[in-house]
Amino acid sequence: MQQYFYTLGDALFEKLEGAEQLLLGFSGEDSDFVRLNHNKIRQAGCVAQRSLSLDLVAGQRHAQTSVELTGDSALDMEQLTATLKKLREQRGFLPDDPYLNFSTAINSTEYHHDNEVIDSHDAVAQLVQAAGDMDLVGIFANGIQYSGFANSLGQRNWHSSANFNFDWSCYLAEDKAKANDRAVKSNYAGFDWQQGKLAAKMDSIRQQLSILSRPSKTIEPGRYRAYLAPSAVNEIIHMISWGGFGLKSHRTKTTPLIQMVEQGRSLAESVSLRENHARGLAPIFTGSGYIKPDHVQLISNGHYQDCLVSSRSAMEYGSVTNADYEFPSALDLAAGELHSADMLKQLDTGLYINNLWYLNFSDRNACQLTGMTRFACFWVEHGEIQAPVNVMRFDDSVFNLLGTNLLGLTEERELILDASTYGQRSNSSIELPGILVRDLRLTL
């Protein structure tokens, strides 16, 4: 695929006229997908797809589009040549773009992480065996993702990553309509498949399902000491990522972290959040040819530090490009000192929350969120789980949860790969710990 991309690019560059410049972006994957229900394979298939984006530039005018590739060089070149001609015609009708910004320095890179992909047949056989008689429903994705960049100035960049992602839930009742949210949700993803780690997750699910069989407890609205597992913390971080870390949202005062920027509010000193471009799942280069730094420190010891800056924002606000988009794709929340194995003892009495969902802002300017508990939320007394808790709504500020009410973060962290497959498999990821909070506000 790398050579095929470069060959197509070289052929297109030869067709440029005058002072034209051409930027090419390649995206593709070879992925296996398996859907399971009742711990049986219901649908299995594979996807091989490649697409090429073209941005034809002359001065401050440019026209861009994307083309799906067939893999047949003759057919692809015929389509791409016609596309290049249409872009040239369209560009003549377009105004100058004041924020057009692409790299003119030649920074070629090459990264391959595609030698450890597990055979999908073996992986599915292992997960079905590990789940045994549990009512498991989920989707397994596995394969190699490709990204490339090339321009007519001579820059070449390539990135390939082999990874797997298994996202699933196990239900207590066979009839899910009667299960009343009595399920445990889990995820196992990464680059290096470990059968023992999968087995440990399945054993933990069995233990939680046995607790879910107990009568549910309904608690009154109020404030409760709580532990939020990494998957629940991920939902909170994901919400504040919508506008929270982009330079443009900061300059236009639409960031939900505006109080950190303008009023000096801070989170707990133990909270440090960075964009970890060096993780290896997403490419280190942008669609405009810039090379991302290994890390961008967004929050340092509770204080806001840097923004994510796209090439267009860099041009508009006189800054330096450090990201492709101003939405994080490789977040990294620093670990704390609490041990996950001792968490029930540390919690003592309160809520053990595995998952949150349906999150939204209840007060964006105050970074206040609302949402629902779901899937394996437990009531704990004196360090022992007593009963599952019926679904509750919370409404609380991030400045409380990760600030004044934060008691600590776990030493162990979990790598979560985005399971989205809209158009293609996502290459976004996050690594984060669980958190213990003094109180979480439940409203109903």
Protein backbone atom coordinates (compact mmCIF):
# COMPACT_ATOMS: atom_id res chain seq x y z
CA MET A 1 0.00 0.00 0.00
CA GLN A 2 2.81 2.40 0.79
CA GLN A 3 4.46 1.92 -2.59
CA TYR A 4 1.10 2.03 -4.36
CA PHE A 5 0.33 5.39 -2.74
CA TYR A 6 3.73 6.82 -3.64
CA THR A 7 3.42 5.58 -7.23
CA LEU A 8 0.02 7.22 -7.68
CA GLY A 9 1.36 10.41 -6.12
CA ASP A 10 4.38 10.62 -8.41
CA ALA A 11 2.15 10.14 -11.46
CA LEU A 12 -0.20 12.91 -10.31
CA PHE A 13 2.62 15.33 -9.53
CA GLU A 14 3.80 15.06 -13.12
CA LYS A 15 0.41 16.35 -14.29
CA LEU A 16 0.61 19.65 -12.39
CA GLU A 17 0.65 22.89 -14.34
CA GLY A 18 2.58 26.10 -13.69
CA ALA A 19 2.97 26.93 -9.99
CA GLU A 20 0.38 24.42 -8.81
CA GLN A 21 1.06 22.37 -5.72
CA LEU A 22 -0.72 19.18 -4.73
CA LEU A 23 -1.23 17.69 -1.27
CA LEU A 24 -2.26 14.03 -1.03
CA GLY A 25 -3.59 12.14 1.95
CA PHE A 26 -3.96 8.36 2.02
CA SER A 27 -6.25 6.44 4.38
CA GLY A 28 -6.94 2.73 4.41
CA GLU A 29 -7.42 -0.44 6.41
CA ASP A 30 -7.45 -4.22 6.20
CA SER A 31 -9.79 -5.16 9.03
CA ASP A 32 -11.74 -8.18 10.23
CA PHE A 33 -15.04 -7.62 12.02
CA VAL A 34 -16.95 -10.19 14.06
CA ARG A 35 -20.30 -9.55 15.76
CA LEU A 36 -21.37 -11.81 18.60
CA ASN A 37 -24.66 -12.37 20.40
CA HIS A 38 -25.32 -14.94 23.14
CA ASN A 39 -21.57 -15.59 22.84
CA LYS A 40 -22.02 -16.96 19.33
CA ILE A 41 -20.74 -15.57 16.06
CA ARG A 42 -23.62 -13.91 14.23
CA GLN A 43 -21.77 -12.01 11.54
CA ALA A 44 -18.19 -12.09 10.32
CA GLY A 45 -16.49 -10.27 7.50
CA CYS A 46 -13.49 -8.30 6.39
CA VAL A 47 -13.06 -4.80 5.00
CA ALA A 48 -10.29 -3.67 2.65
CA GLN A 49 -10.65 -0.02 1.71
CA ARG A 50 -8.38 2.82 0.52
CA SER A 51 -9.13 6.45 -0.15
CA LEU A 52 -7.04 9.34 -1.44
CA SER A 53 -7.67 13.00 -0.64
CA LEU A 54 -6.44 15.66 -3.06
CA ASP A 55 -5.90 19.35 -2.33
CA LEU A 56 -4.87 21.32 -5.45
CA VAL A 57 -3.31 24.67 -4.56
CA ALA A 58 -2.37 27.73 -6.60
CA GLY A 59 -1.54 30.84 -4.60
CA GLN A 60 -4.22 31.24 -1.92
CA ARG A 61 -6.84 29.33 -3.85
CA HIS A 62 -7.36 25.62 -3.47
CA ALA A 63 -9.92 22.93 -4.19
CA GLN A 64 -10.07 19.55 -2.50
CA THR A 65 -11.91 16.25 -2.64
CA SER A 66 -11.54 12.58 -1.78
CA VAL A 67 -11.59 9.52 -4.05
CA GLU A 68 -12.12 5.86 -3.21
CA LEU A 69 -9.42 3.66 -4.73
CA THR A 70 -9.95 0.28 -6.36
CA GLY A 71 -6.37 -1.01 -6.20
CA ASP A 72 -6.24 -1.27 -9.98
CA SER A 73 -3.58 1.27 -11.03
CA ALA A 74 -5.04 1.88 -14.49
CA LEU A 75 -8.58 2.48 -13.21
CA ASP A 76 -7.39 4.57 -10.28
CA MET A 77 -5.16 6.78 -12.42
CA GLU A 78 -7.95 7.35 -14.92
CA GLN A 79 -10.27 8.47 -12.11
CA LEU A 80 -7.61 10.56 -10.37
CA THR A 81 -6.57 12.31 -13.59
CA ALA A 82 -10.19 13.28 -14.25
CA THR A 83 -10.53 14.41 -10.63
CA LEU A 84 -7.43 16.58 -10.90
CA LYS A 85 -8.88 18.27 -13.97
CA LYS A 86 -12.18 18.97 -12.19
CA LEU A 87 -10.36 20.42 -9.18
CA ARG A 88 -8.45 22.74 -11.49
CA GLU A 89 -11.72 23.93 -13.02
CA GLN A 90 -13.43 24.37 -9.64
CA ARG A 91 -10.49 26.30 -8.19
CA GLY A 92 -11.00 29.05 -10.73
CA PHE A 93 -14.41 29.84 -9.18
CA LEU A 94 -13.21 29.84 -5.57
CA PRO A 95 -12.08 32.89 -3.57
CA ASP A 96 -8.72 33.17 -1.84
CA ASP A 97 -8.52 31.24 1.42
CA PRO A 98 -6.96 33.54 4.05
CA TYR A 99 -6.23 30.63 6.39
CA LEU A 100 -4.70 28.24 3.88
CA ASN A 101 -1.63 26.82 5.60
CA PHE A 102 0.48 23.80 4.71
CA SER A 103 4.04 22.81 5.42
CA THR A 104 6.65 23.80 2.85
CA ALA A 105 9.52 22.19 4.79
CA ILE A 106 10.37 18.64 3.74
CA ASN A 107 9.88 16.34 6.76
CA SER A 108 9.52 12.76 5.60
CA THR A 109 8.74 10.01 8.13
CA GLU A 110 8.00 6.29 8.10
CA TYR A 111 6.44 4.25 10.91
CA HIS A 112 5.41 0.60 10.83
CA HIS A 113 3.68 -1.25 13.65
CA ASP A 114 2.11 -4.11 11.72
CA ASN A 115 4.05 -7.21 12.72
CA GLU A 116 2.13 -8.30 15.82
CA VAL A 117 -1.47 -8.48 14.62
CA ILE A 118 -3.16 -11.56 16.08
CA ASP A 119 -4.99 -13.98 13.80
CA SER A 120 -8.68 -13.12 14.09
CA HIS A 121 -9.74 -16.78 14.13
CA ASP A 122 -7.51 -17.44 17.14
CA ALA A 123 -8.65 -14.31 18.97
CA VAL A 124 -12.36 -15.04 18.51
CA ALA A 125 -11.89 -18.66 19.57
CA GLN A 126 -10.18 -17.49 22.75
CA LEU A 127 -12.78 -14.88 23.65
CA VAL A 128 -15.70 -17.28 23.03
CA GLN A 129 -14.02 -19.87 25.24
CA ALA A 130 -13.25 -17.31 27.94
CA ALA A 131 -16.87 -16.10 28.02
CA GLY A 132 -18.20 -19.64 28.31
CA ASP A 133 -21.93 -19.70 29.10
CA MET A 134 -22.26 -15.94 29.65
CA ASP A 135 -24.72 -14.00 27.49
CA LEU A 136 -22.12 -11.94 25.64
CA VAL A 137 -22.90 -9.40 22.95
CA GLY A 138 -20.22 -7.32 21.27
CA ILE A 139 -18.03 -6.58 18.29
CA PHE A 140 -14.43 -7.59 17.65
CA ALA A 141 -12.30 -5.61 15.19
CA ASN A 142 -8.76 -6.51 14.20
CA GLY A 143 -6.30 -5.56 11.49
CA ILE A 144 -3.98 -2.94 10.07
CA GLN A 145 -4.76 0.75 9.55
CA TYR A 146 -2.80 2.88 7.07
CA SER A 147 -2.21 6.61 6.76
CA GLY A 148 -0.01 8.49 4.31
CA PHE A 149 0.88 11.99 3.15
CA ALA A 150 2.75 13.23 0.10
CA ASN A 151 3.11 16.57 -1.62
CA SER A 152 4.59 17.88 -4.83
CA LEU A 153 7.43 19.48 -2.87
CA GLY A 154 8.88 16.03 -2.22
CA GLN A 155 7.64 15.15 1.28
CA ARG A 156 6.64 11.55 1.99
CA ASN A 157 5.06 10.25 5.20
CA TRP A 158 3.72 6.81 6.05
CA HIS A 159 2.12 5.25 9.11
CA SER A 160 0.73 1.75 9.64
CA SER A 161 -0.59 0.26 12.86
CA ALA A 162 -1.83 -3.25 13.67
CA ASN A 163 -4.28 -3.30 16.57
CA PHE A 164 -7.37 -5.03 17.92
CA ASN A 165 -10.46 -3.77 19.72
CA PHE A 166 -13.06 -5.92 21.46
CA ASP A 167 -16.05 -3.98 22.86
CA TRP A 168 -18.70 -6.09 24.63
CA SER A 169 -21.29 -6.50 27.36
CA CYS A 170 -22.45 -9.54 29.31
CA TYR A 171 -26.09 -9.64 30.40
CA LEU A 172 -27.51 -11.28 33.47
CA ALA A 173 -30.79 -12.28 31.78
CA GLU A 174 -31.23 -13.92 28.40
CA ASP A 175 -34.13 -11.59 27.66
CA LYS A 176 -32.38 -8.23 27.42
CA ALA A 177 -35.70 -6.38 27.44
CA LYS A 178 -36.20 -7.68 30.99
CA ALA A 179 -32.60 -7.31 32.07
CA ASN A 180 -33.21 -3.78 33.41
CA ASP A 181 -29.62 -2.73 32.74
CA ARG A 182 -28.29 -5.75 34.58
CA ALA A 183 -25.20 -6.09 32.49
CA VAL A 184 -21.47 -5.54 32.72
CA LYS A 185 -19.75 -3.65 29.93
CA SER A 186 -16.07 -4.09 29.15
CA ASN A 187 -13.41 -3.40 26.56
CA TYR A 188 -10.11 -4.98 25.65
CA ALA A 189 -7.94 -3.26 23.06
CA GLY A 190 -4.33 -2.68 22.17
CA PHE A 191 -1.39 -3.83 20.10
CA ASP A 192 -0.27 -6.98 21.94
CA TRP A 193 -2.96 -9.62 22.53
CA GLN A 194 -2.65 -11.36 25.89
CA GLN A 195 -4.98 -14.27 26.52
CA GLY A 196 -4.45 -14.07 30.27
CA LYS A 197 -5.58 -10.45 30.39
CA LEU A 198 -8.77 -11.31 28.52
CA ALA A 199 -9.44 -14.22 30.90
CA ALA A 200 -9.00 -11.92 33.91
CA LYS A 201 -11.55 -9.48 32.48
CA MET A 202 -14.04 -12.29 31.94
CA ASP A 203 -13.54 -13.55 35.52
CA SER A 204 -14.19 -10.04 36.83
CA ILE A 205 -17.39 -9.87 34.79
CA ARG A 206 -18.61 -13.17 36.28
CA GLN A 207 -18.08 -11.81 39.77
CA GLN A 208 -19.99 -8.63 38.97
CA LEU A 209 -22.85 -10.55 37.34
CA SER A 210 -23.25 -12.61 40.52
CA ILE A 211 -23.70 -9.34 42.44
CA LEU A 212 -26.16 -8.04 39.83
CA SER A 213 -28.40 -11.02 40.60
CA ARG A 214 -29.10 -9.49 44.02
CA PRO A 215 -32.12 -7.19 44.54
CA SER A 216 -31.40 -3.67 43.33
CA LYS A 217 -31.08 -0.74 45.70
CA THR A 218 -32.68 2.64 45.07
CA ILE A 219 -30.86 5.55 46.69
CA GLU A 220 -32.09 9.05 47.33
CA PRO A 221 -30.77 12.06 45.40
CA GLY A 222 -27.85 13.68 47.15
CA ARG A 223 -24.07 13.67 47.32
CA TYR A 224 -22.21 10.37 47.61
CA ARG A 225 -18.62 9.29 47.90
CA ALA A 226 -17.84 7.47 44.64
CA TYR A 227 -15.27 5.59 42.65
CA LEU A 228 -15.40 6.05 38.87
CA ALA A 229 -13.70 3.34 36.82
CA PRO A 230 -11.57 4.33 33.77
CA SER A 231 -14.47 3.75 31.35
CA ALA A 232 -16.61 6.24 33.32
CA VAL A 233 -13.76 8.77 33.52
CA ASN A 234 -13.37 8.41 29.75
CA GLU A 235 -16.92 9.66 29.22
CA ILE A 236 -16.19 12.78 31.28
CA ILE A 237 -12.93 13.53 29.49
CA HIS A 238 -14.60 12.92 26.13
CA MET A 239 -17.28 15.52 26.92
CA ILE A 240 -14.85 18.27 27.87
CA SER A 241 -12.81 17.47 24.76
CA TRP A 242 -15.58 19.01 22.65
CA GLY A 243 -14.07 22.46 22.44
CA GLY A 244 -12.09 22.10 25.64
CA PHE A 245 -8.59 22.01 24.22
CA GLY A 246 -8.67 23.74 20.82
CA LEU A 247 -7.02 27.11 20.24
CA LYS A 248 -9.96 28.42 18.23
CA SER A 249 -12.48 27.57 20.95
CA HIS A 250 -10.27 29.37 23.45
CA ARG A 251 -9.92 32.49 21.33
CA THR A 252 -13.66 32.55 20.61
CA LYS A 253 -14.44 31.87 24.30
CA THR A 254 -16.54 28.78 23.58
CA THR A 255 -14.39 26.32 25.53
CA PRO A 256 -16.12 24.66 28.52
CA LEU A 257 -12.85 25.28 30.39
CA ILE A 258 -13.24 29.06 30.05
CA GLN A 259 -13.05 29.49 33.83
CA MET A 260 -9.60 27.90 33.83
CA VAL A 261 -8.46 30.24 31.08
CA GLU A 262 -9.97 33.52 32.25
CA GLN A 263 -10.75 33.15 35.96
CA GLY A 264 -7.76 31.17 37.14
CA ARG A 265 -9.74 28.12 38.23
CA SER A 266 -7.76 24.93 38.45
CA LEU A 267 -8.18 21.21 38.93
CA ALA A 268 -6.43 19.12 41.56
CA GLU A 269 -2.63 19.19 41.43
CA SER A 270 -2.64 15.45 40.69
CA VAL A 271 -4.42 16.04 37.36
CA SER A 272 -2.10 16.22 34.36
CA LEU A 273 -3.47 15.62 30.88
CA ARG A 274 -1.54 15.50 27.64
CA GLU A 275 -1.99 14.58 24.00
CA ASN A 276 0.39 11.66 23.49
CA HIS A 277 1.09 11.63 19.75
CA ALA A 278 3.92 9.14 20.31
CA ARG A 279 1.51 6.33 21.25
CA GLY A 280 1.62 4.94 17.71
CA LEU A 281 -2.04 4.43 16.87
CA ALA A 282 -2.65 7.74 15.05
CA PRO A 283 -0.09 9.12 12.57
CA ILE A 284 2.53 11.63 13.72
CA PHE A 285 1.90 13.87 10.68
CA THR A 286 -1.06 16.07 9.79
CA GLY A 287 -3.07 16.34 6.60
CA SER A 288 -1.26 19.57 5.81
CA GLY A 289 2.21 18.01 6.10
CA TYR A 290 3.21 19.24 9.56
CA ILE A 291 4.88 16.89 12.03
CA LYS A 292 3.20 16.72 15.42
CA PRO A 293 5.31 16.97 18.57
CA ASP A 294 5.49 13.76 20.61
CA HIS A 295 3.43 15.39 23.37
CA VAL A 296 1.26 18.44 23.93
CA GLN A 297 0.76 19.16 27.64
CA LEU A 298 -2.84 20.34 27.93
CA ILE A 299 -3.17 20.43 31.71
CA SER A 300 -0.17 20.35 34.05
CA ASN A 301 -0.65 19.81 37.79
CA GLY A 302 -4.21 21.07 37.58
CA HIS A 303 -3.46 24.20 35.54
CA TYR A 304 -4.22 24.78 31.86
CA GLN A 305 -1.02 24.87 29.82
CA ASP A 306 -1.26 24.44 26.03
CA CYS A 307 -3.89 24.19 23.30
CA LEU A 308 -4.20 21.88 20.32
CA VAL A 309 -3.55 23.99 17.22
CA SER A 310 -4.61 23.02 13.70
CA SER A 311 -2.88 24.48 10.66
CA ARG A 312 -5.79 26.84 9.98
CA SER A 313 -5.90 28.13 13.56
CA ALA A 314 -2.13 28.54 13.45
CA MET A 315 -2.52 30.82 10.45
CA GLU A 316 -5.49 32.70 11.90
CA TYR A 317 -3.98 33.32 15.32
CA GLY A 318 -0.26 33.38 14.56
CA SER A 319 0.54 30.18 16.39
CA VAL A 320 2.37 26.91 15.64
CA THR A 321 0.63 23.79 14.32
CA ASN A 322 0.79 20.86 16.77
CA ALA A 323 -2.26 18.78 15.78
CA ASP A 324 -4.31 17.75 12.79
CA TYR A 325 -7.62 18.67 14.41
CA GLU A 326 -8.40 20.53 17.59
CA PHE A 327 -10.08 17.49 19.11
CA PRO A 328 -7.70 15.14 20.95
CA SER A 329 -7.00 11.72 19.46
CA ALA A 330 -4.39 10.30 21.87
CA LEU A 331 -5.12 11.54 25.37
CA ASP A 332 -3.06 10.49 28.35
CA LEU A 333 -4.26 11.20 31.92
CA ALA A 334 -1.42 10.74 34.40
CA ALA A 335 -1.69 7.98 37.01
CA GLY A 336 -2.06 8.54 40.73
CA GLU A 337 -1.08 6.57 43.82
CA LEU A 338 -4.21 4.59 44.71
CA HIS A 339 -4.16 0.83 44.16
CA SER A 340 -7.12 -0.58 42.24
CA ALA A 341 -7.01 -3.77 44.32
CA ASP A 342 -7.67 -1.70 47.47
CA MET A 343 -10.34 0.51 45.94
CA LEU A 344 -13.31 -0.96 47.81
CA LYS A 345 -11.48 -0.37 51.08
CA GLN A 346 -10.57 3.17 50.00
CA LEU A 347 -14.16 3.86 48.98
CA ASP A 348 -15.49 2.46 52.26
CA THR A 349 -19.13 3.47 51.78
CA GLY A 350 -20.54 4.89 48.58
CA LEU A 351 -20.92 4.20 44.85
CA TYR A 352 -18.76 2.04 42.63
CA ILE A 353 -19.48 3.27 39.09
CA ASN A 354 -18.26 1.31 36.08
CA ASN A 355 -19.99 3.26 33.31
CA LEU A 356 -21.67 6.57 32.57
CA TRP A 357 -23.69 7.40 29.48
CA TYR A 358 -25.91 10.04 27.80
CA LEU A 359 -23.60 12.81 29.01
CA ASN A 360 -24.23 16.43 28.10
CA PHE A 361 -23.50 19.88 29.46
CA SER A 362 -25.98 21.23 31.99
CA ASP A 363 -23.93 24.45 32.24
CA ARG A 364 -21.21 24.65 29.60
CA ASN A 365 -19.57 27.82 30.93
CA ALA A 366 -19.20 26.21 34.36
CA CYS A 367 -18.07 22.89 32.78
CA GLN A 368 -20.97 21.18 34.52
CA LEU A 369 -22.09 17.83 33.18
CA THR A 370 -25.16 15.68 33.52
CA GLY A 371 -25.65 12.05 32.60
CA MET A 372 -26.78 8.63 33.73
CA THR A 373 -25.19 5.73 35.56
CA ARG A 374 -25.47 2.42 33.78
CA PHE A 375 -24.11 -1.14 33.74
CA ALA A 376 -22.75 -2.47 37.01
CA CYS A 377 -23.17 0.47 39.36
CA PHE A 378 -22.87 -0.88 42.92
CA TRP A 379 -23.60 0.28 46.45
CA VAL A 380 -20.67 -0.35 48.79
CA GLU A 381 -20.69 -0.36 52.59
CA HIS A 382 -17.58 -0.67 54.75
CA GLY A 383 -15.52 -1.83 51.80
CA GLU A 384 -17.91 -4.55 50.61
CA ILE A 385 -20.30 -4.47 47.65
CA GLN A 386 -23.86 -4.82 48.92
CA ALA A 387 -26.17 -4.47 45.92
CA PRO A 388 -26.56 -3.11 42.40
CA VAL A 389 -27.95 0.44 42.27
CA ASN A 390 -30.86 1.40 40.06
CA VAL A 391 -30.10 3.91 37.31
CA MET A 392 -29.50 7.44 38.61
CA ARG A 393 -28.83 10.84 37.04
CA PHE A 394 -25.83 12.87 38.11
CA ASP A 395 -25.18 16.58 37.65
CA ASP A 396 -21.81 17.89 38.74
CA SER A 397 -18.95 20.12 37.69
CA VAL A 398 -15.63 18.89 36.36
CA PHE A 399 -14.06 21.42 38.71
CA ASN A 400 -15.53 19.34 41.55
CA LEU A 401 -14.94 15.86 40.18
CA LEU A 402 -11.36 16.50 39.08
CA GLY A 403 -10.75 19.37 41.45
CA THR A 404 -11.99 20.12 44.96
CA ASN A 405 -13.63 16.72 45.50
CA LEU A 406 -10.93 14.54 43.93
CA LEU A 407 -9.37 12.24 46.53
CA GLY A 408 -7.02 10.40 44.20
CA LEU A 409 -6.34 8.55 40.96
CA THR A 410 -5.40 4.91 40.58
CA GLU A 411 -1.85 3.84 39.89
CA GLU A 412 -3.11 1.40 37.26
CA ARG A 413 -4.36 2.83 33.99
CA GLU A 414 -6.40 1.37 31.14
CA LEU A 415 -5.83 1.90 27.43
CA ILE A 416 -9.16 2.44 25.66
CA LEU A 417 -9.32 2.49 21.87
CA ASP A 418 -12.28 4.23 20.27
CA ALA A 419 -14.59 1.51 18.94
CA SER A 420 -16.21 3.80 16.34
CA THR A 421 -16.37 2.46 12.79
CA TYR A 422 -18.23 5.27 11.03
CA GLY A 423 -16.75 5.19 7.53
CA GLN A 424 -13.65 3.46 8.83
CA ARG A 425 -12.11 2.29 12.09
CA SER A 426 -11.20 5.15 14.39
CA ASN A 427 -7.56 5.61 15.38
CA SER A 428 -8.35 7.63 18.51
CA SER A 429 -7.35 6.36 21.94
CA ILE A 430 -7.01 7.34 25.59
CA GLU A 431 -5.09 5.95 28.56
CA LEU A 432 -6.38 6.86 31.97
CA PRO A 433 -6.84 5.78 35.61
CA GLY A 434 -9.93 5.47 37.75
CA ILE A 435 -10.73 8.25 40.22
CA LEU A 436 -12.01 8.41 43.80
CA VAL A 437 -14.15 11.47 44.62
CA ARG A 438 -15.36 12.82 47.94
CA ASP A 439 -18.88 13.29 46.65
CA LEU A 440 -20.79 12.99 43.41
CA ARG A 441 -24.08 14.85 43.06
CA LEU A 442 -27.03 12.65 42.10
CA THR A 443 -30.19 14.54 41.17
CA LEU A 444 -32.81 11.85 40.48
